[in-house]
Amino acid sequence: MADEIVLLSSWPSMFGMRVRVALAEKGLKYEYREEDLRNKSPLLLMMNPVHKKIPVLIHNGKPISESMIIVEYIDEVWNHKSPLLPTDPYQRAQARFWADYVDKKLFDIGKKIIWSTKGEEQETGKKEFIECLKLLEGELGDNPYFGGENFGFVDVSLVTFSCWFHTYESYGNFSIETECPKLVAWTKRCLEKESVSSSLADPHKIHDFASGVRKRLGIE
């Protein structure tokens, strides 16, 4: 019996895109259901009653929540190709550490740049955001990917933020390529992979989406 895989997500979500990249890396077919986050579906509320958030992966009727937990689940269940986590326990722990760093830092700092109405808070956000990216760039070093020679877990966690880079730059008035050239080169390398390019949203559509939200919130 074939696996039934359903993904509940919202197209601009970098967290939902992570799951799409992982599914694409494994060559898995799935049903995608777009969620309106202002009017969440009964299915989403039933499948993620605790946080009521996307993304949710439903595998043969069983829900898994939280994007990097889903990515790890996908890697464990469909381990026949494209491993995302290393086999070495120490390297696995390091990959989880950096993916957790991305989760705990980038999104919240990025919000200050895009959604803040205060110039001072926005400037602080920009400074912290660049510091985070520089730290990640240092961890990448001269490797093609965070997983070394192979695209892996940390790459999945971070690359989906890249389609928001244009929006961060636009509202923060800075250039990520100027600040972190190796990280931008890494982004371009990742985008050469079909699994990434087919899963990430268009950066200009993301900018239009953010602009619409800002207008609705009365920020612009």
C-alpha atoms as a PDB file:
ATOM      1  CA  MET A   1       0.000   0.000   0.000  1.00  0.00           C
ATOM      2  CA  ALA A   2       1.385   3.387  -1.000  1.00  0.00           C
ATOM      3  CA  ASP A   3       2.069   5.983   1.670  1.00  0.00           C
ATOM      4  CA  GLU A   4      -0.519   8.738   1.919  1.00  0.00           C
ATOM      5  CA  ILE A   5       1.315  12.003   2.535  1.00  0.00           C
ATOM      6  CA  VAL A   6      -0.451  15.342   3.014  1.00  0.00           C
ATOM      7  CA  LEU A   7       1.257  18.667   3.787  1.00  0.00           C
ATOM      8  CA  LEU A   8      -0.690  21.516   5.381  1.00  0.00           C
ATOM      9  CA  SER A   9       1.162  24.772   4.900  1.00  0.00           C
ATOM     10  CA  SER A  10       1.059  28.359   3.655  1.00  0.00           C
ATOM     11  CA  TRP A  11       3.039  29.314   0.557  1.00  0.00           C
ATOM     12  CA  PRO A  12       5.134  32.191   2.078  1.00  0.00           C
ATOM     13  CA  SER A  13       6.171  30.107   5.110  1.00  0.00           C
ATOM     14  CA  MET A  14       9.890  29.342   5.216  1.00  0.00           C
ATOM     15  CA  PHE A  15       8.995  26.591   7.694  1.00  0.00           C
ATOM     16  CA  GLY A  16       6.595  24.919   5.284  1.00  0.00           C
ATOM     17  CA  MET A  17       9.169  25.240   2.499  1.00  0.00           C
ATOM     18  CA  ARG A  18      11.625  23.203   4.594  1.00  0.00           C
ATOM     19  CA  VAL A  19       9.237  20.260   4.492  1.00  0.00           C
ATOM     20  CA  ARG A  20       8.754  20.657   0.740  1.00  0.00           C
ATOM     21  CA  VAL A  21      12.537  20.605   0.205  1.00  0.00           C
ATOM     22  CA  ALA A  22      12.915  17.459   2.332  1.00  0.00           C
ATOM     23  CA  LEU A  23      10.070  15.679   0.519  1.00  0.00           C
ATOM     24  CA  ALA A  24      11.585  16.672  -2.833  1.00  0.00           C
ATOM     25  CA  GLU A  25      15.036  15.436  -1.752  1.00  0.00           C
ATOM     26  CA  LYS A  26      13.469  12.043  -1.051  1.00  0.00           C
ATOM     27  CA  GLY A  27      11.519  12.054  -4.319  1.00  0.00           C
ATOM     28  CA  LEU A  28       8.190  11.672  -2.521  1.00  0.00           C
ATOM     29  CA  LYS A  29       4.791  12.501  -3.986  1.00  0.00           C
ATOM     30  CA  TYR A  30       2.342  14.209  -1.666  1.00  0.00           C
ATOM     31  CA  GLU A  31      -0.839  16.240  -1.535  1.00  0.00           C
ATOM     32  CA  TYR A  32      -0.325  19.916  -0.727  1.00  0.00           C
ATOM     33  CA  ARG A  33      -3.112  21.838   1.011  1.00  0.00           C
ATOM     34  CA  GLU A  34      -2.795  25.612   1.288  1.00  0.00           C
ATOM     35  CA  GLU A  35      -3.917  27.024   4.641  1.00  0.00           C
ATOM     36  CA  ASP A  36      -5.434  30.462   5.175  1.00  0.00           C
ATOM     37  CA  LEU A  37      -3.825  31.402   8.478  1.00  0.00           C
ATOM     38  CA  ARG A  38      -6.536  33.974   9.195  1.00  0.00           C
ATOM     39  CA  ASN A  39      -9.175  31.275   8.786  1.00  0.00           C
ATOM     40  CA  LYS A  40      -7.549  27.977   9.749  1.00  0.00           C
ATOM     41  CA  SER A  41      -9.145  24.801   8.446  1.00  0.00           C
ATOM     42  CA  PRO A  42     -10.834  22.278  10.775  1.00  0.00           C
ATOM     43  CA  LEU A  43      -8.259  19.748   9.548  1.00  0.00           C
ATOM     44  CA  LEU A  44      -5.331  21.908  10.716  1.00  0.00           C
ATOM     45  CA  LEU A  45      -6.966  22.531  14.107  1.00  0.00           C
ATOM     46  CA  MET A  46      -7.630  18.809  14.492  1.00  0.00           C
ATOM     47  CA  MET A  47      -4.146  17.727  13.385  1.00  0.00           C
ATOM     48  CA  ASN A  48      -2.242  20.323  15.425  1.00  0.00           C
ATOM     49  CA  PRO A  49      -4.524  21.114  18.387  1.00  0.00           C
ATOM     50  CA  VAL A  50      -1.647  22.261  20.628  1.00  0.00           C
ATOM     51  CA  HIS A  51      -0.024  25.023  18.545  1.00  0.00           C
ATOM     52  CA  LYS A  52      -2.589  25.301  15.718  1.00  0.00           C
ATOM     53  CA  LYS A  53       0.281  26.182  13.360  1.00  0.00           C
ATOM     54  CA  ILE A  54       1.611  25.115  10.001  1.00  0.00           C
ATOM     55  CA  PRO A  55       3.373  23.131   8.723  1.00  0.00           C
ATOM     56  CA  VAL A  56       1.802  19.789   9.553  1.00  0.00           C
ATOM     57  CA  LEU A  57       2.723  16.594   7.744  1.00  0.00           C
ATOM     58  CA  ILE A  58       0.026  13.925   7.776  1.00  0.00           C
ATOM     59  CA  HIS A  59       1.490  10.491   7.053  1.00  0.00           C
ATOM     60  CA  ASN A  60      -1.104   7.755   6.690  1.00  0.00           C
ATOM     61  CA  GLY A  61      -3.474   9.757   8.882  1.00  0.00           C
ATOM     62  CA  LYS A  62      -0.925  10.525  11.624  1.00  0.00           C
ATOM     63  CA  PRO A  63       0.160  14.167  12.124  1.00  0.00           C
ATOM     64  CA  ILE A  64       3.702  15.423  12.732  1.00  0.00           C
ATOM     65  CA  SER A  65       4.237  19.097  13.637  1.00  0.00           C
ATOM     66  CA  GLU A  66       7.166  21.555  13.829  1.00  0.00           C
ATOM     67  CA  SER A  67       9.190  21.894  10.636  1.00  0.00           C
ATOM     68  CA  MET A  68      12.582  20.454  11.644  1.00  0.00           C
ATOM     69  CA  ILE A  69      10.928  17.610  13.570  1.00  0.00           C
ATOM     70  CA  ILE A  70       9.048  16.844  10.341  1.00  0.00           C
ATOM     71  CA  VAL A  71      12.285  17.024   8.301  1.00  0.00           C
ATOM     72  CA  GLU A  72      13.968  14.590  10.701  1.00  0.00           C
ATOM     73  CA  TYR A  73      10.936  12.286  10.546  1.00  0.00           C
ATOM     74  CA  ILE A  74      11.065  12.310   6.735  1.00  0.00           C
ATOM     75  CA  ASP A  75      14.785  11.502   6.850  1.00  0.00           C
ATOM     76  CA  GLU A  76      14.235   8.573   9.216  1.00  0.00           C
ATOM     77  CA  VAL A  77      11.177   7.056   7.508  1.00  0.00           C
ATOM     78  CA  TRP A  78      12.401   7.390   3.924  1.00  0.00           C
ATOM     79  CA  ASN A  79      16.067   6.591   4.467  1.00  0.00           C
ATOM     80  CA  HIS A  80      16.552   4.952   1.060  1.00  0.00           C
ATOM     81  CA  LYS A  81      18.112   8.050  -0.535  1.00  0.00           C
ATOM     82  CA  SER A  82      19.518  11.542   0.069  1.00  0.00           C
ATOM     83  CA  PRO A  83      20.303  11.298   3.815  1.00  0.00           C
ATOM     84  CA  LEU A  84      19.919  14.690   5.479  1.00  0.00           C
ATOM     85  CA  LEU A  85      21.413  13.932   8.896  1.00  0.00           C
ATOM     86  CA  PRO A  86      24.932  12.454   9.253  1.00  0.00           C
ATOM     87  CA  THR A  87      25.357   8.920  10.607  1.00  0.00           C
ATOM     88  CA  ASP A  88      28.026   9.983  13.121  1.00  0.00           C
ATOM     89  CA  PRO A  89      26.370  10.846  16.484  1.00  0.00           C
ATOM     90  CA  TYR A  90      28.565  13.907  17.116  1.00  0.00           C
ATOM     91  CA  GLN A  91      27.959  15.310  13.633  1.00  0.00           C
ATOM     92  CA  ARG A  92      24.230  14.670  14.042  1.00  0.00           C
ATOM     93  CA  ALA A  93      24.273  16.610  17.328  1.00  0.00           C
ATOM     94  CA  GLN A  94      26.126  19.495  15.651  1.00  0.00           C
ATOM     95  CA  ALA A  95      23.619  19.584  12.777  1.00  0.00           C
ATOM     96  CA  ARG A  96      20.734  19.702  15.250  1.00  0.00           C
ATOM     97  CA  PHE A  97      22.487  22.474  17.192  1.00  0.00           C
ATOM     98  CA  TRP A  98      22.853  24.743  14.144  1.00  0.00           C
ATOM     99  CA  ALA A  99      19.342  24.033  12.886  1.00  0.00           C
ATOM    100  CA  ASP A 100      18.080  24.937  16.366  1.00  0.00           C
ATOM    101  CA  TYR A 101      20.158  28.145  16.245  1.00  0.00           C
ATOM    102  CA  VAL A 102      18.478  29.125  12.955  1.00  0.00           C
ATOM    103  CA  ASP A 103      15.062  28.388  14.487  1.00  0.00           C
ATOM    104  CA  LYS A 104      15.649  30.364  17.673  1.00  0.00           C
ATOM    105  CA  LYS A 105      17.393  33.384  16.159  1.00  0.00           C
ATOM    106  CA  LEU A 106      16.729  34.279  12.536  1.00  0.00           C
ATOM    107  CA  PHE A 107      12.937  34.356  12.357  1.00  0.00           C
ATOM    108  CA  ASP A 108      12.398  36.491  15.463  1.00  0.00           C
ATOM    109  CA  ILE A 109      15.219  38.899  14.584  1.00  0.00           C
ATOM    110  CA  GLY A 110      13.959  39.149  11.010  1.00  0.00           C
ATOM    111  CA  LYS A 111      10.535  40.187  12.304  1.00  0.00           C
ATOM    112  CA  LYS A 112      12.093  43.344  13.770  1.00  0.00           C
ATOM    113  CA  ILE A 113      13.321  44.345  10.303  1.00  0.00           C
ATOM    114  CA  ILE A 114      10.054  43.745   8.428  1.00  0.00           C
ATOM    115  CA  TRP A 115       7.271  44.402  10.919  1.00  0.00           C
ATOM    116  CA  SER A 116       8.722  47.063  13.228  1.00  0.00           C
ATOM    117  CA  THR A 117       7.397  50.626  13.112  1.00  0.00           C
ATOM    118  CA  LYS A 118      10.319  51.949  15.185  1.00  0.00           C
ATOM    119  CA  GLY A 119      13.515  52.909  13.379  1.00  0.00           C
ATOM    120  CA  GLU A 120      15.684  52.110  16.398  1.00  0.00           C
ATOM    121  CA  GLU A 121      14.233  48.605  16.780  1.00  0.00           C
ATOM    122  CA  GLN A 122      14.628  48.023  13.040  1.00  0.00           C
ATOM    123  CA  GLU A 123      18.295  49.084  13.166  1.00  0.00           C
ATOM    124  CA  THR A 124      18.912  46.763  16.121  1.00  0.00           C
ATOM    125  CA  GLY A 125      17.198  43.951  14.225  1.00  0.00           C
ATOM    126  CA  LYS A 126      19.336  44.569  11.148  1.00  0.00           C
ATOM    127  CA  LYS A 127      22.558  44.517  13.198  1.00  0.00           C
ATOM    128  CA  GLU A 128      21.577  41.289  14.989  1.00  0.00           C
ATOM    129  CA  PHE A 129      20.430  39.680  11.728  1.00  0.00           C
ATOM    130  CA  ILE A 130      23.760  40.376  10.007  1.00  0.00           C
ATOM    131  CA  GLU A 131      25.642  39.077  13.074  1.00  0.00           C
ATOM    132  CA  CYS A 132      23.652  35.813  12.913  1.00  0.00           C
ATOM    133  CA  LEU A 133      24.316  35.396   9.201  1.00  0.00           C
ATOM    134  CA  LYS A 134      28.045  36.080   9.686  1.00  0.00           C
ATOM    135  CA  LEU A 135      28.193  33.441  12.420  1.00  0.00           C
ATOM    136  CA  LEU A 136      26.472  30.946  10.125  1.00  0.00           C
ATOM    137  CA  GLU A 137      28.808  31.907   7.301  1.00  0.00           C
ATOM    138  CA  GLY A 138      31.736  31.138   9.602  1.00  0.00           C
ATOM    139  CA  GLU A 139      30.280  27.715  10.368  1.00  0.00           C
ATOM    140  CA  LEU A 140      29.873  27.047   6.630  1.00  0.00           C
ATOM    141  CA  GLY A 141      33.534  27.947   6.067  1.00  0.00           C
ATOM    142  CA  ASP A 142      34.826  26.850   2.659  1.00  0.00           C
ATOM    143  CA  ASN A 143      32.506  23.852   2.440  1.00  0.00           C
ATOM    144  CA  PRO A 144      29.978  23.688  -0.392  1.00  0.00           C
ATOM    145  CA  TYR A 145      27.216  22.879   2.127  1.00  0.00           C
ATOM    146  CA  PHE A 146      26.738  22.941   5.889  1.00  0.00           C
ATOM    147  CA  GLY A 147      26.728  19.145   5.654  1.00  0.00           C
ATOM    148  CA  GLY A 148      30.200  19.236   4.082  1.00  0.00           C
ATOM    149  CA  GLU A 149      30.182  17.889   0.539  1.00  0.00           C
ATOM    150  CA  ASN A 150      26.508  16.956   0.743  1.00  0.00           C
ATOM    151  CA  PHE A 151      23.336  19.012   1.101  1.00  0.00           C
ATOM    152  CA  GLY A 152      21.897  18.236   4.525  1.00  0.00           C
ATOM    153  CA  PHE A 153      19.858  19.083   7.613  1.00  0.00           C
ATOM    154  CA  VAL A 154      21.270  22.564   8.350  1.00  0.00           C
ATOM    155  CA  ASP A 155      21.061  23.507   4.675  1.00  0.00           C
ATOM    156  CA  VAL A 156      17.345  22.632   4.706  1.00  0.00           C
ATOM    157  CA  SER A 157      16.800  24.688   7.862  1.00  0.00           C
ATOM    158  CA  LEU A 158      18.434  27.847   6.479  1.00  0.00           C
ATOM    159  CA  VAL A 159      17.988  27.867   2.702  1.00  0.00           C
ATOM    160  CA  THR A 160      14.261  28.585   2.856  1.00  0.00           C
ATOM    161  CA  PHE A 161      15.022  31.931   4.525  1.00  0.00           C
ATOM    162  CA  SER A 162      16.854  32.948   1.347  1.00  0.00           C
ATOM    163  CA  CYS A 163      13.640  33.718  -0.538  1.00  0.00           C
ATOM    164  CA  TRP A 164      12.931  36.290   2.202  1.00  0.00           C
ATOM    165  CA  PHE A 165      16.397  37.893   1.850  1.00  0.00           C
ATOM    166  CA  HIS A 166      15.153  40.412  -0.746  1.00  0.00           C
ATOM    167  CA  THR A 167      12.403  41.525   1.653  1.00  0.00           C
ATOM    168  CA  TYR A 168      14.794  41.826   4.618  1.00  0.00           C
ATOM    169  CA  GLU A 169      17.186  43.851   2.458  1.00  0.00           C
ATOM    170  CA  SER A 170      14.431  46.084   1.102  1.00  0.00           C
ATOM    171  CA  TYR A 171      13.017  47.079   4.492  1.00  0.00           C
ATOM    172  CA  GLY A 172      16.363  47.028   6.321  1.00  0.00           C
ATOM    173  CA  ASN A 173      18.239  48.908   3.594  1.00  0.00           C
ATOM    174  CA  PHE A 174      21.289  46.629   3.485  1.00  0.00           C
ATOM    175  CA  SER A 175      22.880  44.021   1.199  1.00  0.00           C
ATOM    176  CA  ILE A 176      23.331  40.464   2.423  1.00  0.00           C
ATOM    177  CA  GLU A 177      25.722  39.741  -0.466  1.00  0.00           C
ATOM    178  CA  THR A 178      27.965  42.632   0.635  1.00  0.00           C
ATOM    179  CA  GLU A 179      27.916  41.474   4.255  1.00  0.00           C
ATOM    180  CA  CYS A 180      28.044  37.699   3.676  1.00  0.00           C
ATOM    181  CA  PRO A 181      29.266  36.860   0.150  1.00  0.00           C
ATOM    182  CA  LYS A 182      30.046  33.197   0.942  1.00  0.00           C
ATOM    183  CA  LEU A 183      26.561  32.670   2.339  1.00  0.00           C
ATOM    184  CA  VAL A 184      24.962  34.131  -0.790  1.00  0.00           C
ATOM    185  CA  ALA A 185      27.204  31.902  -2.939  1.00  0.00           C
ATOM    186  CA  TRP A 186      25.979  28.944  -0.860  1.00  0.00           C
ATOM    187  CA  THR A 187      22.364  30.042  -1.489  1.00  0.00           C
ATOM    188  CA  LYS A 188      22.959  30.098  -5.254  1.00  0.00           C
ATOM    189  CA  ARG A 189      24.578  26.655  -5.042  1.00  0.00           C
ATOM    190  CA  CYS A 190      21.545  25.283  -3.202  1.00  0.00           C
ATOM    191  CA  LEU A 191      19.186  26.820  -5.765  1.00  0.00           C
ATOM    192  CA  GLU A 192      20.898  24.768  -8.472  1.00  0.00           C
ATOM    193  CA  LYS A 193      19.246  21.750  -6.851  1.00  0.00           C
ATOM    194  CA  GLU A 194      15.801  20.989  -8.269  1.00  0.00           C
ATOM    195  CA  SER A 195      14.568  20.025  -4.789  1.00  0.00           C
ATOM    196  CA  VAL A 196      15.305  23.564  -3.570  1.00  0.00           C
ATOM    197  CA  SER A 197      14.401  25.696  -6.598  1.00  0.00           C
ATOM    198  CA  SER A 198      11.045  23.933  -7.019  1.00  0.00           C
ATOM    199  CA  SER A 199      10.160  24.301  -3.318  1.00  0.00           C
ATOM    200  CA  LEU A 200      11.033  27.946  -2.592  1.00  0.00           C
ATOM    201  CA  ALA A 201       8.660  30.855  -3.226  1.00  0.00           C
ATOM    202  CA  ASP A 202       9.557  33.673  -5.605  1.00  0.00           C
ATOM    203  CA  PRO A 203      11.395  36.419  -3.633  1.00  0.00           C
ATOM    204  CA  HIS A 204       9.400  39.192  -5.350  1.00  0.00           C
ATOM    205  CA  LYS A 205       6.095  37.505  -4.482  1.00  0.00           C
ATOM    206  CA  ILE A 206       7.312  37.260  -0.879  1.00  0.00           C
ATOM    207  CA  HIS A 207       8.033  41.006  -0.935  1.00  0.00           C
ATOM    208  CA  ASP A 208       4.541  41.738  -2.306  1.00  0.00           C
ATOM    209  CA  PHE A 209       3.049  39.511   0.393  1.00  0.00           C
ATOM    210  CA  ALA A 210       5.003  41.306   3.154  1.00  0.00           C
ATOM    211  CA  SER A 211       4.001  44.696   1.739  1.00  0.00           C
ATOM    212  CA  GLY A 212       0.341  43.661   1.806  1.00  0.00           C
ATOM    213  CA  VAL A 213       0.616  42.557   5.444  1.00  0.00           C
ATOM    214  CA  ARG A 214       2.407  45.795   6.380  1.00  0.00           C
ATOM    215  CA  LYS A 215      -0.405  47.827   4.788  1.00  0.00           C
ATOM    216  CA  ARG A 216      -3.014  45.776   6.613  1.00  0.00           C
ATOM    217  CA  LEU A 217      -1.162  46.400   9.889  1.00  0.00           C
ATOM    218  CA  GLY A 218      -0.902  50.131   9.115  1.00  0.00           C
ATOM    219  CA  ILE A 219       2.913  50.067   8.949  1.00  0.00           C
ATOM    220  CA  GLU A 220       3.009  51.431   5.379  1.00  0.00           C
END
